[in-house]
Amino acid sequence: MANLTLTIDDDILLRARRRALENGTSVNALVREYLESFAGAHDTGDAGRALVALAERASGSSGEHGRQWTRDDVHAR
């Protein structure tokens, strides 16, 4: 993992440290999470493939002909 040096106004860094502490995290973690999000570091393809695999293994079913909802069924009180 690489190190990054930033130049930030002292007052901004102090306020950021306070807010991070209030949220149980660090400025380092906040910057890392922001950059990961900004750079698109998370591959949603893996999550999508895992969801499809899970759905294919699921044994749930709506029956042979599927569910046949009526308007009354949906709006029953």
N, C-alpha and C. Protein backbone atom coordinates (compact mmCIF):
# COMPACT_ATOMS: atom_id res chain seq x y z
N MET A 1 0.85 -1.17 0.00
CA MET A 1 0.00 0.00 0.00
C MET A 1 0.90 1.23 0.00
N ALA A 2 0.56 2.21 -0.81
CA ALA A 2 1.36 3.43 -0.94
C ALA A 2 0.98 4.46 0.12
N ASN A 3 1.91 5.33 0.42
CA ASN A 3 1.65 6.46 1.32
C ASN A 3 1.41 7.70 0.47
N LEU A 4 0.56 8.61 0.98
CA LEU A 4 0.22 9.83 0.28
C LEU A 4 0.40 11.00 1.24
N THR A 5 1.09 12.04 0.81
CA THR A 5 1.28 13.23 1.63
C THR A 5 0.39 14.34 1.08
N LEU A 6 -0.42 14.92 1.96
CA LEU A 6 -1.32 16.01 1.57
C LEU A 6 -0.97 17.27 2.34
N THR A 7 -1.19 18.40 1.72
CA THR A 7 -1.05 19.68 2.40
C THR A 7 -2.46 20.22 2.64
N ILE A 8 -2.82 20.34 3.92
CA ILE A 8 -4.17 20.75 4.31
C ILE A 8 -4.07 21.84 5.36
N ASP A 9 -4.94 22.80 5.28
CA ASP A 9 -5.00 23.87 6.27
C ASP A 9 -5.15 23.26 7.67
N ASP A 10 -4.40 23.78 8.63
CA ASP A 10 -4.42 23.24 10.00
C ASP A 10 -5.82 23.19 10.60
N ASP A 11 -6.59 24.25 10.38
CA ASP A 11 -7.94 24.31 10.95
C ASP A 11 -8.85 23.23 10.35
N ILE A 12 -8.73 23.03 9.05
CA ILE A 12 -9.55 22.00 8.39
C ILE A 12 -9.18 20.61 8.92
N LEU A 13 -7.88 20.36 9.06
CA LEU A 13 -7.45 19.06 9.56
C LEU A 13 -7.92 18.84 10.99
N LEU A 14 -7.86 19.85 11.82
CA LEU A 14 -8.34 19.74 13.21
C LEU A 14 -9.82 19.42 13.24
N ARG A 15 -10.62 20.13 12.44
CA ARG A 15 -12.06 19.86 12.40
C ARG A 15 -12.36 18.47 11.85
N ALA A 16 -11.59 18.05 10.85
CA ALA A 16 -11.78 16.72 10.29
C ALA A 16 -11.44 15.65 11.32
N ARG A 17 -10.37 15.84 12.08
CA ARG A 17 -10.01 14.87 13.12
C ARG A 17 -11.10 14.77 14.18
N ARG A 18 -11.65 15.90 14.57
CA ARG A 18 -12.73 15.89 15.58
C ARG A 18 -13.95 15.13 15.07
N ARG A 19 -14.35 15.43 13.84
CA ARG A 19 -15.53 14.75 13.26
C ARG A 19 -15.27 13.27 13.08
N ALA A 20 -14.08 12.91 12.65
CA ALA A 20 -13.74 11.49 12.48
C ALA A 20 -13.80 10.78 13.83
N LEU A 21 -13.26 11.42 14.87
CA LEU A 21 -13.29 10.84 16.22
C LEU A 21 -14.73 10.65 16.69
N GLU A 22 -15.58 11.63 16.43
CA GLU A 22 -17.00 11.52 16.80
C GLU A 22 -17.67 10.35 16.10
N ASN A 23 -17.19 10.01 14.89
CA ASN A 23 -17.76 8.91 14.11
C ASN A 23 -17.00 7.60 14.28
N GLY A 24 -16.05 7.58 15.22
CA GLY A 24 -15.31 6.35 15.50
C GLY A 24 -14.39 5.91 14.38
N THR A 25 -13.82 6.85 13.66
CA THR A 25 -12.92 6.51 12.56
C THR A 25 -11.74 7.47 12.57
N SER A 26 -10.97 7.48 11.51
CA SER A 26 -9.82 8.37 11.41
C SER A 26 -9.89 9.15 10.10
N VAL A 27 -9.14 10.23 10.05
CA VAL A 27 -9.06 11.01 8.81
C VAL A 27 -8.46 10.13 7.71
N ASN A 28 -7.47 9.34 8.06
CA ASN A 28 -6.85 8.43 7.09
C ASN A 28 -7.89 7.49 6.49
N ALA A 29 -8.73 6.89 7.32
CA ALA A 29 -9.76 5.97 6.82
C ALA A 29 -10.77 6.71 5.95
N LEU A 30 -11.14 7.91 6.35
CA LEU A 30 -12.10 8.69 5.56
C LEU A 30 -11.54 9.02 4.18
N VAL A 31 -10.29 9.46 4.13
CA VAL A 31 -9.67 9.80 2.84
C VAL A 31 -9.54 8.55 1.98
N ARG A 32 -9.12 7.43 2.59
CA ARG A 32 -8.98 6.18 1.84
C ARG A 32 -10.32 5.74 1.26
N GLU A 33 -11.39 5.78 2.07
CA GLU A 33 -12.72 5.40 1.59
C GLU A 33 -13.20 6.32 0.47
N TYR A 34 -12.94 7.61 0.63
CA TYR A 34 -13.34 8.56 -0.42
C TYR A 34 -12.62 8.26 -1.72
N LEU A 35 -11.31 8.05 -1.65
CA LEU A 35 -10.54 7.79 -2.86
C LEU A 35 -10.93 6.47 -3.51
N GLU A 36 -11.23 5.45 -2.70
CA GLU A 36 -11.70 4.18 -3.26
C GLU A 36 -13.00 4.38 -4.01
N SER A 37 -13.90 5.14 -3.42
CA SER A 37 -15.18 5.41 -4.06
C SER A 37 -14.98 6.24 -5.33
N PHE A 38 -14.17 7.28 -5.23
CA PHE A 38 -13.91 8.17 -6.35
C PHE A 38 -13.27 7.43 -7.52
N ALA A 39 -12.34 6.54 -7.21
CA ALA A 39 -11.62 5.82 -8.25
C ALA A 39 -12.37 4.59 -8.76
N GLY A 40 -13.48 4.26 -8.11
CA GLY A 40 -14.23 3.09 -8.52
C GLY A 40 -13.49 1.81 -8.21
N ALA A 41 -12.87 1.75 -7.04
CA ALA A 41 -12.03 0.61 -6.68
C ALA A 41 -12.83 -0.66 -6.41
N HIS A 42 -14.09 -0.55 -6.09
CA HIS A 42 -14.88 -1.73 -5.76
C HIS A 42 -15.46 -2.33 -7.03
N ASP A 43 -15.17 -3.58 -7.28
CA ASP A 43 -15.67 -4.29 -8.46
C ASP A 43 -17.06 -4.83 -8.17
N THR A 44 -18.08 -4.18 -8.71
CA THR A 44 -19.45 -4.65 -8.48
C THR A 44 -19.74 -5.91 -9.28
N GLY A 45 -18.90 -6.23 -10.24
CA GLY A 45 -19.09 -7.43 -11.03
C GLY A 45 -19.02 -8.68 -10.17
N ASP A 46 -18.08 -8.73 -9.23
CA ASP A 46 -17.96 -9.89 -8.34
C ASP A 46 -19.21 -10.05 -7.49
N ALA A 47 -19.73 -8.94 -6.97
CA ALA A 47 -20.93 -9.01 -6.14
C ALA A 47 -22.12 -9.46 -6.97
N GLY A 48 -22.22 -8.98 -8.18
CA GLY A 48 -23.32 -9.39 -9.06
C GLY A 48 -23.26 -10.87 -9.39
N ARG A 49 -22.07 -11.35 -9.68
CA ARG A 49 -21.91 -12.78 -9.98
C ARG A 49 -22.25 -13.63 -8.77
N ALA A 50 -21.87 -13.18 -7.58
CA ALA A 50 -22.18 -13.93 -6.36
C ALA A 50 -23.69 -13.97 -6.13
N LEU A 51 -24.38 -12.87 -6.41
CA LEU A 51 -25.83 -12.84 -6.24
C LEU A 51 -26.52 -13.78 -7.21
N VAL A 52 -26.09 -13.81 -8.45
CA VAL A 52 -26.67 -14.71 -9.44
C VAL A 52 -26.43 -16.16 -9.03
N ALA A 53 -25.23 -16.48 -8.56
CA ALA A 53 -24.93 -17.85 -8.13
C ALA A 53 -25.81 -18.24 -6.96
N LEU A 54 -26.02 -17.33 -6.02
CA LEU A 54 -26.88 -17.60 -4.88
C LEU A 54 -28.32 -17.85 -5.33
N ALA A 55 -28.80 -17.05 -6.24
CA ALA A 55 -30.17 -17.21 -6.75
C ALA A 55 -30.34 -18.54 -7.46
N GLU A 56 -29.31 -18.95 -8.20
CA GLU A 56 -29.39 -20.22 -8.92
C GLU A 56 -29.42 -21.41 -7.96
N ARG A 57 -28.78 -21.27 -6.79
CA ARG A 57 -28.77 -22.36 -5.80
C ARG A 57 -30.02 -22.36 -4.92
N ALA A 58 -30.78 -21.27 -4.91
CA ALA A 58 -31.95 -21.17 -4.04
C ALA A 58 -33.01 -22.19 -4.44
N SER A 59 -33.69 -22.74 -3.43
CA SER A 59 -34.70 -23.77 -3.72
C SER A 59 -36.12 -23.23 -3.63
N GLY A 60 -36.27 -21.95 -3.35
CA GLY A 60 -37.61 -21.37 -3.26
C GLY A 60 -38.32 -21.37 -4.60
N SER A 61 -39.64 -21.46 -4.55
CA SER A 61 -40.42 -21.52 -5.79
C SER A 61 -41.79 -20.93 -5.57
N SER A 62 -42.39 -20.44 -6.62
CA SER A 62 -43.76 -19.94 -6.58
C SER A 62 -44.73 -20.99 -7.07
N GLY A 63 -44.25 -22.17 -7.29
CA GLY A 63 -45.11 -23.24 -7.79
C GLY A 63 -44.98 -23.40 -9.28
N GLU A 64 -45.67 -24.40 -9.79
CA GLU A 64 -45.55 -24.75 -11.21
C GLU A 64 -45.95 -23.61 -12.14
N HIS A 65 -47.02 -22.90 -11.79
CA HIS A 65 -47.53 -21.83 -12.67
C HIS A 65 -47.19 -20.44 -12.15
N GLY A 66 -46.43 -20.35 -11.11
CA GLY A 66 -46.08 -19.05 -10.55
C GLY A 66 -47.24 -18.45 -9.77
N ARG A 67 -47.00 -17.34 -9.16
CA ARG A 67 -48.06 -16.69 -8.37
C ARG A 67 -49.05 -16.01 -9.30
N GLN A 68 -50.30 -16.06 -8.93
CA GLN A 68 -51.37 -15.42 -9.69
C GLN A 68 -52.07 -14.43 -8.77
N TRP A 69 -51.55 -13.22 -8.67
CA TRP A 69 -52.11 -12.22 -7.77
C TRP A 69 -53.29 -11.52 -8.44
N THR A 70 -54.30 -11.23 -7.63
CA THR A 70 -55.40 -10.39 -8.09
C THR A 70 -55.26 -9.04 -7.44
N ARG A 71 -55.97 -8.06 -7.95
CA ARG A 71 -55.91 -6.72 -7.34
C ARG A 71 -56.39 -6.79 -5.90
N ASP A 72 -57.41 -7.57 -5.62
CA ASP A 72 -57.94 -7.71 -4.27
C ASP A 72 -56.91 -8.34 -3.33
N ASP A 73 -56.16 -9.33 -3.82
CA ASP A 73 -55.12 -9.94 -2.99
C ASP A 73 -54.06 -8.91 -2.58
N VAL A 74 -53.66 -8.11 -3.51
CA VAL A 74 -52.62 -7.13 -3.26
C VAL A 74 -53.09 -6.05 -2.29
N HIS A 75 -54.35 -5.67 -2.40
CA HIS A 75 -54.86 -4.56 -1.59
C HIS A 75 -55.72 -5.04 -0.42
N ALA A 76 -55.68 -6.31 -0.07
CA ALA A 76 -56.45 -6.83 1.06
C ALA A 76 -56.04 -6.15 2.34
N ARG A 77 -57.02 -5.85 3.17
CA ARG A 77 -56.71 -5.17 4.44
C ARG A 77 -57.03 -6.06 5.58
